PDB file of N, CA and C in Angstrom:
ATOM      1  N   UNK A   1      -7.899   6.037   1.669  1.00  0.00           N
ATOM      2  CA  UNK A   1      -8.675   4.895   1.233  1.00  0.00           C
ATOM      3  C   UNK A   1      -9.441   5.224  -0.049  1.00  0.00           C
ATOM      4  N   UNK A   2      -9.907   6.466  -0.115  1.00  0.00           N
ATOM      5  CA  UNK A   2     -10.622   6.890  -1.324  1.00  0.00           C
ATOM      6  C   UNK A   2      -9.694   6.834  -2.532  1.00  0.00           C
ATOM      7  N   UNK A   3      -8.475   7.316  -2.355  1.00  0.00           N
ATOM      8  CA  UNK A   3      -7.512   7.314  -3.454  1.00  0.00           C
ATOM      9  C   UNK A   3      -7.218   5.889  -3.920  1.00  0.00           C
ATOM     10  N   UNK A   4      -7.058   4.981  -2.991  1.00  0.00           N
ATOM     11  CA  UNK A   4      -6.793   3.588  -3.343  1.00  0.00           C
ATOM     12  C   UNK A   4      -7.982   3.004  -4.106  1.00  0.00           C
ATOM     13  N   UNK A   5      -9.194   3.281  -3.653  1.00  0.00           N
ATOM     14  CA  UNK A   5     -10.376   2.749  -4.357  1.00  0.00           C
ATOM     15  C   UNK A   5     -10.524   3.378  -5.744  1.00  0.00           C
ATOM     16  N   UNK A   6     -10.067   4.625  -5.908  1.00  0.00           N
ATOM     17  CA  UNK A   6     -10.088   5.252  -7.226  1.00  0.00           C
ATOM     18  C   UNK A   6      -9.065   4.617  -8.164  1.00  0.00           C
ATOM     19  N   UNK A   7      -7.952   4.159  -7.614  1.00  0.00           N
ATOM     20  CA  UNK A   7      -6.905   3.552  -8.430  1.00  0.00           C
ATOM     21  C   UNK A   7      -7.205   2.104  -8.816  1.00  0.00           C
ATOM     22  N   UNK A   8      -8.026   1.433  -8.041  1.00  0.00           N
ATOM     23  CA  UNK A   8      -8.292   0.017  -8.285  1.00  0.00           C
ATOM     24  C   UNK A   8      -8.700  -0.282  -9.731  1.00  0.00           C
ATOM     25  N   UNK A   9      -9.681   0.429 -10.303  1.00  0.00           N
ATOM     26  CA  UNK A   9     -10.050   0.098 -11.691  1.00  0.00           C
ATOM     27  C   UNK A   9      -8.905   0.327 -12.687  1.00  0.00           C
ATOM     28  N   UNK A  10      -8.061   1.304 -12.409  1.00  0.00           N
ATOM     29  CA  UNK A  10      -6.921   1.549 -13.292  1.00  0.00           C
ATOM     30  C   UNK A  10      -5.901   0.438 -13.182  1.00  0.00           C
ATOM     31  N   UNK A  11      -5.644  -0.029 -11.965  1.00  0.00           N
ATOM     32  CA  UNK A  11      -4.714  -1.130 -11.769  1.00  0.00           C
ATOM     33  C   UNK A  11      -5.237  -2.398 -12.437  1.00  0.00           C
ATOM     34  N   UNK A  12      -6.519  -2.652 -12.314  1.00  0.00           N
ATOM     35  CA  UNK A  12      -7.107  -3.849 -12.925  1.00  0.00           C
ATOM     36  C   UNK A  12      -7.063  -3.747 -14.450  1.00  0.00           C
ATOM     37  N   UNK A  13      -7.468  -2.611 -14.978  1.00  0.00           N
ATOM     38  CA  UNK A  13      -7.513  -2.413 -16.434  1.00  0.00           C
ATOM     39  C   UNK A  13      -6.124  -2.502 -17.060  1.00  0.00           C
ATOM     40  N   UNK A  14      -5.114  -2.010 -16.354  1.00  0.00           N
ATOM     41  CA  UNK A  14      -3.768  -1.929 -16.918  1.00  0.00           C
ATOM     42  C   UNK A  14      -2.792  -2.959 -16.359  1.00  0.00           C
ATOM     43  N   UNK A  15      -3.316  -4.017 -15.779  1.00  0.00           N
ATOM     44  CA  UNK A  15      -2.427  -4.982 -15.128  1.00  0.00           C
ATOM     45  C   UNK A  15      -1.443  -5.631 -16.099  1.00  0.00           C
ATOM     46  N   UNK A  16      -1.754  -5.623 -17.376  1.00  0.00           N
ATOM     47  CA  UNK A  16      -0.842  -6.222 -18.352  1.00  0.00           C
ATOM     48  C   UNK A  16       0.459  -5.433 -18.513  1.00  0.00           C
ATOM     49  N   UNK A  17       0.489  -4.189 -18.066  1.00  0.00           N
ATOM     50  CA  UNK A  17       1.708  -3.385 -18.158  1.00  0.00           C
ATOM     51  C   UNK A  17       2.248  -3.008 -16.769  1.00  0.00           C
ATOM     52  N   UNK A  18       1.706  -3.629 -15.730  1.00  0.00           N
ATOM     53  CA  UNK A  18       2.153  -3.373 -14.365  1.00  0.00           C
ATOM     54  C   UNK A  18       2.921  -4.585 -13.862  1.00  0.00           C
ATOM     55  N   UNK A  19       4.127  -4.355 -13.377  1.00  0.00           N
ATOM     56  CA  UNK A  19       4.910  -5.420 -12.773  1.00  0.00           C
ATOM     57  C   UNK A  19       4.616  -5.492 -11.274  1.00  0.00           C
ATOM     58  N   UNK A  20       4.802  -4.368 -10.585  1.00  0.00           N
ATOM     59  CA  UNK A  20       4.524  -4.277  -9.155  1.00  0.00           C
ATOM     60  C   UNK A  20       3.908  -2.919  -8.852  1.00  0.00           C
ATOM     61  N   UNK A  21       3.227  -2.828  -7.722  1.00  0.00           N
ATOM     62  CA  UNK A  21       2.688  -1.570  -7.222  1.00  0.00           C
ATOM     63  C   UNK A  21       3.485  -1.209  -5.973  1.00  0.00           C
ATOM     64  N   UNK A  22       3.994   0.002  -5.926  1.00  0.00           N
ATOM     65  CA  UNK A  22       4.688   0.473  -4.730  1.00  0.00           C
ATOM     66  C   UNK A  22       3.646   0.915  -3.716  1.00  0.00           C
ATOM     67  N   UNK A  23       3.792   0.484  -2.483  1.00  0.00           N
ATOM     68  CA  UNK A  23       2.787   0.758  -1.462  1.00  0.00           C
ATOM     69  C   UNK A  23       2.777   2.207  -0.971  1.00  0.00           C
ATOM     70  N   UNK A  24       3.654   3.078  -1.428  1.00  0.00           N
ATOM     71  CA  UNK A  24       3.645   4.508  -1.119  1.00  0.00           C
ATOM     72  C   UNK A  24       2.604   4.957  -0.100  1.00  0.00           C
ATOM     73  N   UNK A  25       1.894   5.997  -0.366  1.00  0.00           N
ATOM     74  CA  UNK A  25       0.747   6.513   0.382  1.00  0.00           C
ATOM     75  C   UNK A  25       1.033   7.045   1.786  1.00  0.00           C
ATOM     76  N   UNK A  26       2.135   6.682   2.415  1.00  0.00           N
ATOM     77  CA  UNK A  26       2.434   7.196   3.758  1.00  0.00           C
ATOM     78  C   UNK A  26       3.768   7.925   3.715  1.00  0.00           C
ATOM     79  N   UNK A  27       3.776   9.145   4.211  1.00  0.00           N
ATOM     80  CA  UNK A  27       4.987   9.953   4.253  1.00  0.00           C
ATOM     81  C   UNK A  27       5.116  10.849   3.033  1.00  0.00           C
ATOM     82  N   UNK A  28       5.950  11.846   3.155  1.00  0.00           N
ATOM     83  CA  UNK A  28       6.130  12.824   2.094  1.00  0.00           C
ATOM     84  C   UNK A  28       6.609  12.229   0.778  1.00  0.00           C
ATOM     85  N   UNK A  29       7.389  11.153   0.838  1.00  0.00           N
ATOM     86  CA  UNK A  29       7.911  10.510  -0.361  1.00  0.00           C
ATOM     87  C   UNK A  29       7.394   9.081  -0.494  1.00  0.00           C
ATOM     88  N   UNK A  30       6.386   8.733   0.257  1.00  0.00           N
ATOM     89  CA  UNK A  30       5.807   7.396   0.171  1.00  0.00           C
ATOM     90  C   UNK A  30       6.695   6.308   0.722  1.00  0.00           C
ATOM     91  N   UNK A  31       7.543   6.654   1.689  1.00  0.00           N
ATOM     92  CA  UNK A  31       8.496   5.677   2.212  1.00  0.00           C
ATOM     93  C   UNK A  31       8.074   5.041   3.535  1.00  0.00           C
ATOM     94  N   UNK A  32       6.915   5.369   4.041  1.00  0.00           N
ATOM     95  CA  UNK A  32       6.351   4.742   5.228  1.00  0.00           C
ATOM     96  C   UNK A  32       7.149   5.005   6.500  1.00  0.00           C
ATOM     97  N   UNK A  33       7.844   6.117   6.635  1.00  0.00           N
ATOM     98  CA  UNK A  33       8.612   6.337   7.860  1.00  0.00           C
ATOM     99  C   UNK A  33       8.090   7.490   8.703  1.00  0.00           C
ATOM    100  N   UNK A  34       7.274   8.346   8.179  1.00  0.00           N
ATOM    101  CA  UNK A  34       6.682   9.437   8.959  1.00  0.00           C
ATOM    102  C   UNK A  34       5.491   9.974   8.176  1.00  0.00           C
ATOM    103  N   UNK A  35       4.604  10.667   8.874  1.00  0.00           N
ATOM    104  CA  UNK A  35       3.425  11.193   8.205  1.00  0.00           C
ATOM    105  C   UNK A  35       2.957  12.453   8.897  1.00  0.00           C
ATOM    106  N   UNK A  36       2.743  13.499   8.135  1.00  0.00           N
ATOM    107  CA  UNK A  36       2.194  14.744   8.669  1.00  0.00           C
ATOM    108  C   UNK A  36       0.709  14.589   8.985  1.00  0.00           C
ATOM    109  N   UNK A  37       0.109  13.506   8.496  1.00  0.00           N
ATOM    110  CA  UNK A  37      -1.323  13.262   8.697  1.00  0.00           C
ATOM    111  C   UNK A  37      -1.609  12.167   9.718  1.00  0.00           C
ATOM    112  N   UNK A  38      -0.597  11.719  10.415  1.00  0.00           N
ATOM    113  CA  UNK A  38      -0.798  10.696  11.436  1.00  0.00           C
ATOM    114  C   UNK A  38      -1.043   9.304  10.895  1.00  0.00           C
ATOM    115  N   UNK A  39      -0.614   9.042   9.674  1.00  0.00           N
ATOM    116  CA  UNK A  39      -0.859   7.730   9.078  1.00  0.00           C
ATOM    117  C   UNK A  39       0.215   6.700   9.428  1.00  0.00           C
ATOM    118  N   UNK A  40       1.210   7.092  10.207  1.00  0.00           N
ATOM    119  CA  UNK A  40       2.318   6.194  10.480  1.00  0.00           C
ATOM    120  C   UNK A  40       2.152   5.329  11.727  1.00  0.00           C
ATOM    121  N   UNK A  41       0.924   5.191  12.203  1.00  0.00           N
ATOM    122  CA  UNK A  41       0.682   4.234  13.288  1.00  0.00           C
ATOM    123  C   UNK A  41       0.552   2.837  12.684  1.00  0.00           C
ATOM    124  N   UNK A  42       0.855   1.832  13.451  1.00  0.00           N
ATOM    125  CA  UNK A  42       0.788   0.464  12.944  1.00  0.00           C
ATOM    126  C   UNK A  42      -0.620   0.115  12.463  1.00  0.00           C
ATOM    127  N   UNK A  43      -1.620   0.585  13.176  1.00  0.00           N
ATOM    128  CA  UNK A  43      -3.008   0.321  12.789  1.00  0.00           C
ATOM    129  C   UNK A  43      -3.337   0.935  11.431  1.00  0.00           C
ATOM    130  N   UNK A  44      -2.931   2.185  11.223  1.00  0.00           N
ATOM    131  CA  UNK A  44      -3.183   2.836   9.936  1.00  0.00           C
ATOM    132  C   UNK A  44      -2.389   2.178   8.818  1.00  0.00           C
ATOM    133  N   UNK A  45      -1.142   1.813   9.112  1.00  0.00           N
ATOM    134  CA  UNK A  45      -0.327   1.137   8.107  1.00  0.00           C
ATOM    135  C   UNK A  45      -0.971  -0.174   7.682  1.00  0.00           C
ATOM    136  N   UNK A  46      -1.488  -0.894   8.657  1.00  0.00           N
ATOM    137  CA  UNK A  46      -2.154  -2.169   8.370  1.00  0.00           C
ATOM    138  C   UNK A  46      -3.377  -1.950   7.485  1.00  0.00           C
ATOM    139  N   UNK A  47      -4.204  -0.975   7.822  1.00  0.00           N
ATOM    140  CA  UNK A  47      -5.402  -0.694   7.027  1.00  0.00           C
ATOM    141  C   UNK A  47      -5.049  -0.305   5.595  1.00  0.00           C
ATOM    142  N   UNK A  48      -4.025   0.531   5.450  1.00  0.00           N
ATOM    143  CA  UNK A  48      -3.621   0.980   4.117  1.00  0.00           C
ATOM    144  C   UNK A  48      -3.035  -0.169   3.308  1.00  0.00           C
ATOM    145  N   UNK A  49      -2.146  -0.943   3.919  1.00  0.00           N
ATOM    146  CA  UNK A  49      -1.554  -2.068   3.199  1.00  0.00           C
ATOM    147  C   UNK A  49      -2.623  -3.058   2.750  1.00  0.00           C
ATOM    148  N   UNK A  50      -3.554  -3.401   3.623  1.00  0.00           N
ATOM    149  CA  UNK A  50      -4.593  -4.362   3.252  1.00  0.00           C
ATOM    150  C   UNK A  50      -5.531  -3.792   2.194  1.00  0.00           C
ATOM    151  N   UNK A  51      -5.791  -2.492   2.219  1.00  0.00           N
ATOM    152  CA  UNK A  51      -6.619  -1.869   1.176  1.00  0.00           C
ATOM    153  C   UNK A  51      -5.908  -1.951  -0.176  1.00  0.00           C
ATOM    154  N   UNK A  52      -4.601  -1.713  -0.169  1.00  0.00           N
ATOM    155  CA  UNK A  52      -3.841  -1.821  -1.416  1.00  0.00           C
ATOM    156  C   UNK A  52      -3.851  -3.260  -1.918  1.00  0.00           C
ATOM    157  N   UNK A  53      -3.610  -4.212  -1.017  1.00  0.00           N
ATOM    158  CA  UNK A  53      -3.605  -5.623  -1.419  1.00  0.00           C
ATOM    159  C   UNK A  53      -4.964  -6.053  -1.971  1.00  0.00           C
ATOM    160  N   UNK A  54      -6.039  -5.530  -1.418  1.00  0.00           N
ATOM    161  CA  UNK A  54      -7.375  -5.846  -1.930  1.00  0.00           C
ATOM    162  C   UNK A  54      -7.631  -5.214  -3.292  1.00  0.00           C
ATOM    163  N   UNK A  55      -7.006  -4.064  -3.562  1.00  0.00           N
ATOM    164  CA  UNK A  55      -7.257  -3.331  -4.800  1.00  0.00           C
ATOM    165  C   UNK A  55      -6.393  -3.800  -5.970  1.00  0.00           C
ATOM    166  N   UNK A  56      -5.218  -4.308  -5.677  1.00  0.00           N
ATOM    167  CA  UNK A  56      -4.288  -4.731  -6.725  1.00  0.00           C
ATOM    168  C   UNK A  56      -4.715  -6.101  -7.244  1.00  0.00           C
ATOM    169  N   UNK A  57      -4.650  -6.314  -8.564  1.00  0.00           N
ATOM    170  CA  UNK A  57      -4.971  -7.641  -9.091  1.00  0.00           C
ATOM    171  C   UNK A  57      -4.149  -8.723  -8.396  1.00  0.00           C
ATOM    172  N   UNK A  58      -4.760  -9.853  -8.160  1.00  0.00           N
ATOM    173  CA  UNK A  58      -4.133 -10.925  -7.373  1.00  0.00           C
ATOM    174  C   UNK A  58      -2.844 -11.461  -7.994  1.00  0.00           C
ATOM    175  N   UNK A  59      -2.662 -11.273  -9.294  1.00  0.00           N
ATOM    176  CA  UNK A  59      -1.444 -11.771  -9.925  1.00  0.00           C
ATOM    177  C   UNK A  59      -0.366 -10.695 -10.062  1.00  0.00           C
ATOM    178  N   UNK A  60      -0.467  -9.635  -9.278  1.00  0.00           N
ATOM    179  CA  UNK A  60       0.543  -8.584  -9.220  1.00  0.00           C
ATOM    180  C   UNK A  60       1.017  -8.435  -7.784  1.00  0.00           C
ATOM    181  N   UNK A  61       2.246  -7.965  -7.610  1.00  0.00           N
ATOM    182  CA  UNK A  61       2.818  -7.836  -6.279  1.00  0.00           C
ATOM    183  C   UNK A  61       2.803  -6.390  -5.803  1.00  0.00           C
ATOM    184  N   UNK A  62       2.853  -6.243  -4.485  1.00  0.00           N
ATOM    185  CA  UNK A  62       2.954  -4.935  -3.845  1.00  0.00           C
ATOM    186  C   UNK A  62       4.290  -4.902  -3.110  1.00  0.00           C
ATOM    187  N   UNK A  63       5.055  -3.833  -3.328  1.00  0.00           N
ATOM    188  CA  UNK A  63       6.337  -3.691  -2.637  1.00  0.00           C
ATOM    189  C   UNK A  63       6.241  -2.553  -1.638  1.00  0.00           C
ATOM    190  N   UNK A  64       7.028  -2.675  -0.589  1.00  0.00           N
ATOM    191  CA  UNK A  64       7.043  -1.676   0.472  1.00  0.00           C
ATOM    192  C   UNK A  64       8.478  -1.548   0.943  1.00  0.00           C
ATOM    193  N   UNK A  65       8.923  -0.318   1.198  1.00  0.00           N
ATOM    194  CA  UNK A  65      10.339  -0.070   1.441  1.00  0.00           C
ATOM    195  C   UNK A  65      10.898  -0.754   2.690  1.00  0.00           C
ATOM    196  N   UNK A  66      10.134  -0.816   3.746  1.00  0.00           N
ATOM    197  CA  UNK A  66      10.633  -1.363   5.004  1.00  0.00           C
ATOM    198  C   UNK A  66       9.968  -2.704   5.314  1.00  0.00           C
ATOM    199  N   UNK A  67      10.615  -3.821   4.975  1.00  0.00           N
ATOM    200  CA  UNK A  67      10.004  -5.129   5.208  1.00  0.00           C
ATOM    201  C   UNK A  67       9.650  -5.380   6.672  1.00  0.00           C
ATOM    202  N   UNK A  68      10.391  -4.771   7.605  1.00  0.00           N
ATOM    203  CA  UNK A  68      10.096  -4.958   9.020  1.00  0.00           C
ATOM    204  C   UNK A  68       8.699  -4.495   9.394  1.00  0.00           C
ATOM    205  N   UNK A  69       8.206  -3.493   8.717  1.00  0.00           N
ATOM    206  CA  UNK A  69       6.843  -3.016   8.980  1.00  0.00           C
ATOM    207  C   UNK A  69       5.843  -4.114   8.644  1.00  0.00           C
ATOM    208  N   UNK A  70       6.070  -4.823   7.528  1.00  0.00           N
ATOM    209  CA  UNK A  70       5.163  -5.912   7.181  1.00  0.00           C
ATOM    210  C   UNK A  70       5.156  -6.988   8.264  1.00  0.00           C
ATOM    211  N   UNK A  71       6.327  -7.286   8.804  1.00  0.00           N
ATOM    212  CA  UNK A  71       6.395  -8.250   9.896  1.00  0.00           C
ATOM    213  C   UNK A  71       5.573  -7.796  11.093  1.00  0.00           C
ATOM    214  N   UNK A  72       5.683  -6.522  11.448  1.00  0.00           N
ATOM    215  CA  UNK A  72       4.912  -5.992  12.564  1.00  0.00           C
ATOM    216  C   UNK A  72       3.409  -6.022  12.270  1.00  0.00           C
ATOM    217  N   UNK A  73       3.029  -5.713  11.042  1.00  0.00           N
ATOM    218  CA  UNK A  73       1.607  -5.713  10.671  1.00  0.00           C
ATOM    219  C   UNK A  73       1.028  -7.110  10.807  1.00  0.00           C
ATOM    220  N   UNK A  74       1.741  -8.117  10.330  1.00  0.00           N
ATOM    221  CA  UNK A  74       1.216  -9.480  10.360  1.00  0.00           C
ATOM    222  C   UNK A  74       1.316 -10.131  11.735  1.00  0.00           C
ATOM    223  N   UNK A  75       2.098  -9.541  12.643  1.00  0.00           N
ATOM    224  CA  UNK A  75       2.164 -10.066  14.012  1.00  0.00           C
ATOM    225  C   UNK A  75       1.043  -9.519  14.882  1.00  0.00           C
ATOM    226  N   UNK A  76       0.310  -8.537  14.398  1.00  0.00           N
ATOM    227  CA  UNK A  76      -0.774  -7.943  15.203  1.00  0.00           C
ATOM    228  C   UNK A  76      -1.846  -8.947  15.489  1.00  0.00           C
TER     229      UNK A  76
END
């Protein structure tokens, strides 16, 4: 969460050269399928995704490798 809050001003300042933000942050390669730090629970994924969505400028998109995870997050 700290890392995301540190990136927020950079994303806002540079939004003119940003097309999308990759939701990375979970797993060794940012692919959201496993985590050595226990971040791959649905609750943690939800918190991280919503923190990213709050930090990214509203006119930019966030992409995530596994769309099914988003479905599970929003069904909670």
